[in-house]
Amino acid sequence: MRERRKVMQGRVVSDKMAKTVIVEVEMRRAHTLYGKVVTATRRFKAHNDEPVVAKRGDLVKITESRALSREKHWRVTEIVQRGVVVEAIVEKELEDLRAKEEADRAARRIEEERRAAARLEKLAGMDELEPATPSESEAA
């Protein structure tokens, strides 16, 4: 008779390796002495092959398997729920904010240059309007 393999459910927190994902499994149980519900998380490396390709944020089921590498002893068997990666959305919003700030900075720079040019024109116009007072003071 074959042993039944362990099955766990967790969220994919990293998919940066080739054919491997890191799945974080959250276990909740009562503390033995105090009875308070304690949440413990463990991270497992799981094989992520072609038929089932899990991405970051997905809720997946992993099944125990033979050792596939030094730390990888699990396989992704099914994707329970596709996840929305919040950080990708945040990155998009940050890019939009950066673009807006850059546009504001450019507009401020253009406005400052326009004001400086207007001040220079005003100063140049004032110099032309003033009479040559130094020559009069020299004559006196």
Protein backbone atom coordinates (compact mmCIF):
# COMPACT_ATOMS: atom_id res chain seq x y z
CA MET A 1 0.00 0.00 0.00
CA ARG A 2 1.30 3.42 -0.97
CA GLU A 3 1.55 6.23 1.58
CA ARG A 4 -0.69 9.20 1.16
CA ARG A 5 1.26 12.34 0.25
CA LYS A 6 0.92 15.59 2.14
CA VAL A 7 -1.06 18.33 0.41
CA MET A 8 -0.85 21.99 1.43
CA GLN A 9 -2.39 25.17 0.16
CA GLY A 10 -0.52 28.47 0.05
CA ARG A 11 0.21 31.64 -1.84
CA VAL A 12 3.03 32.00 -4.39
CA VAL A 13 5.36 34.73 -3.11
CA SER A 14 8.15 34.38 -5.69
CA ASP A 15 8.38 33.02 -9.23
CA LYS A 16 11.80 34.35 -10.19
CA MET A 17 13.45 30.95 -10.60
CA ALA A 18 13.09 28.72 -13.64
CA LYS A 19 10.49 25.97 -12.99
CA THR A 20 10.44 26.75 -9.25
CA VAL A 21 8.12 28.87 -7.13
CA ILE A 22 8.24 29.73 -3.45
CA VAL A 23 4.92 29.02 -1.75
CA GLU A 24 4.12 30.52 1.65
CA VAL A 25 1.79 28.30 3.69
CA GLU A 26 0.00 29.83 6.66
CA MET A 27 -0.84 27.48 9.53
CA ARG A 28 -3.15 28.54 12.35
CA ARG A 29 -3.41 26.56 15.55
CA ALA A 30 -4.10 27.09 19.23
CA HIS A 31 -1.11 27.55 21.51
CA THR A 32 -0.67 24.43 23.63
CA LEU A 33 -0.50 26.23 26.98
CA TYR A 34 -2.34 29.51 26.51
CA GLY A 35 -4.93 28.55 23.92
CA LYS A 36 -4.41 31.71 21.83
CA VAL A 37 -4.63 31.15 18.05
CA VAL A 38 -1.12 31.51 16.67
CA THR A 39 -0.33 32.00 12.99
CA ALA A 40 2.86 30.39 11.73
CA THR A 41 4.08 30.69 8.14
CA ARG A 42 6.44 28.37 6.32
CA ARG A 43 7.94 28.76 2.88
CA PHE A 44 8.35 25.80 0.55
CA LYS A 45 10.07 25.59 -2.81
CA ALA A 46 7.80 23.79 -5.25
CA HIS A 47 8.35 22.53 -8.78
CA ASN A 48 6.31 24.60 -11.26
CA ASP A 49 6.24 22.66 -14.55
CA GLU A 50 4.51 23.29 -17.89
CA PRO A 51 0.90 22.05 -17.40
CA VAL A 52 0.37 24.15 -14.27
CA VAL A 53 2.23 27.45 -14.41
CA ALA A 54 1.72 29.41 -11.21
CA LYS A 55 2.55 33.10 -11.06
CA ARG A 56 3.18 35.42 -8.16
CA GLY A 57 0.06 36.02 -6.05
CA ASP A 58 -1.70 32.78 -7.05
CA LEU A 59 -3.27 30.51 -4.44
CA VAL A 60 -1.97 26.99 -5.18
CA LYS A 61 -2.06 23.44 -3.88
CA ILE A 62 1.30 21.75 -3.48
CA THR A 63 1.88 18.02 -3.06
CA GLU A 64 4.85 16.34 -1.45
CA SER A 65 7.12 14.51 -3.92
CA ARG A 66 10.54 12.97 -4.13
CA ALA A 67 13.52 15.25 -3.69
CA LEU A 68 13.92 17.28 -6.87
CA SER A 69 16.86 19.31 -5.58
CA ARG A 70 18.50 20.11 -2.25
CA GLU A 71 15.54 22.18 -0.98
CA LYS A 72 12.75 21.32 -3.43
CA HIS A 73 10.49 18.45 -2.29
CA TRP A 74 7.07 19.70 -3.46
CA ARG A 75 5.17 20.04 -6.75
CA VAL A 76 2.47 22.54 -7.71
CA THR A 77 -0.56 20.35 -8.48
CA GLU A 78 -3.26 22.93 -9.13
CA ILE A 79 -3.98 26.64 -9.10
CA VAL A 80 -6.90 27.23 -6.76
CA GLN A 81 -7.25 30.95 -7.48
CA ARG A 82 -5.41 33.32 -9.77
CA GLY A 83 -4.00 36.21 -7.79
CA VAL A 84 -3.68 39.88 -8.53
CA VAL A 85 -0.18 41.08 -7.87
CA VAL A 86 -0.65 44.26 -5.87
CA GLU A 87 2.95 45.39 -6.33
CA ALA A 88 2.58 45.50 -10.12
CA ILE A 89 -0.37 47.86 -9.73
CA VAL A 90 1.60 49.95 -7.25
CA GLU A 91 4.54 50.11 -9.67
CA LYS A 92 2.21 51.37 -12.44
CA GLU A 93 0.81 54.06 -10.12
CA LEU A 94 4.34 55.08 -9.11
CA GLU A 95 5.34 55.40 -12.77
CA ASP A 96 2.28 57.60 -13.40
CA LEU A 97 3.13 59.78 -10.39
CA ARG A 98 6.76 60.11 -11.50
CA ALA A 99 5.66 61.14 -15.01
CA LYS A 100 3.26 63.74 -13.56
CA GLU A 101 5.95 65.14 -11.24
CA GLU A 102 8.39 65.38 -14.16
CA ALA A 103 5.78 67.24 -16.25
CA ASP A 104 5.11 69.63 -13.33
CA ARG A 105 8.85 70.23 -12.92
CA ALA A 106 9.21 70.99 -16.64
CA ALA A 107 6.25 73.40 -16.53
CA ARG A 108 7.73 75.18 -13.48
CA ARG A 109 11.12 75.45 -15.20
CA ILE A 110 9.52 77.00 -18.31
CA GLU A 111 7.53 79.45 -16.15
CA GLU A 112 10.69 80.49 -14.23
CA GLU A 113 12.58 81.02 -17.50
CA ARG A 114 9.70 83.16 -18.83
CA ARG A 115 9.65 85.29 -15.65
CA ALA A 116 13.45 85.71 -15.74
CA ALA A 117 13.28 86.83 -19.37
CA ALA A 118 10.50 89.31 -18.51
CA ARG A 119 12.58 90.71 -15.61
CA LEU A 120 15.63 91.09 -17.87
CA GLU A 121 13.53 92.90 -20.49
CA LYS A 122 12.11 95.18 -17.80
CA LEU A 123 15.60 95.95 -16.45
CA ALA A 124 16.92 96.57 -19.96
CA GLY A 125 13.98 98.94 -20.63
CA MET A 126 14.64 100.84 -17.37
CA ASP A 127 18.28 101.40 -18.32
CA GLU A 128 17.23 102.99 -21.62
CA LEU A 129 14.68 105.30 -19.92
CA GLU A 130 17.07 106.64 -17.26
CA PRO A 131 18.94 109.82 -18.28
CA ALA A 132 22.70 109.91 -18.19
CA THR A 133 23.04 111.24 -14.67
CA PRO A 134 26.74 110.53 -14.19
CA SER A 135 27.74 113.11 -16.83
CA GLU A 136 25.58 115.79 -15.15
CA SER A 137 27.10 115.06 -11.76
CA GLU A 138 30.60 115.26 -13.22
CA ALA A 139 29.83 118.71 -14.67
CA ALA A 140 28.73 120.01 -11.28
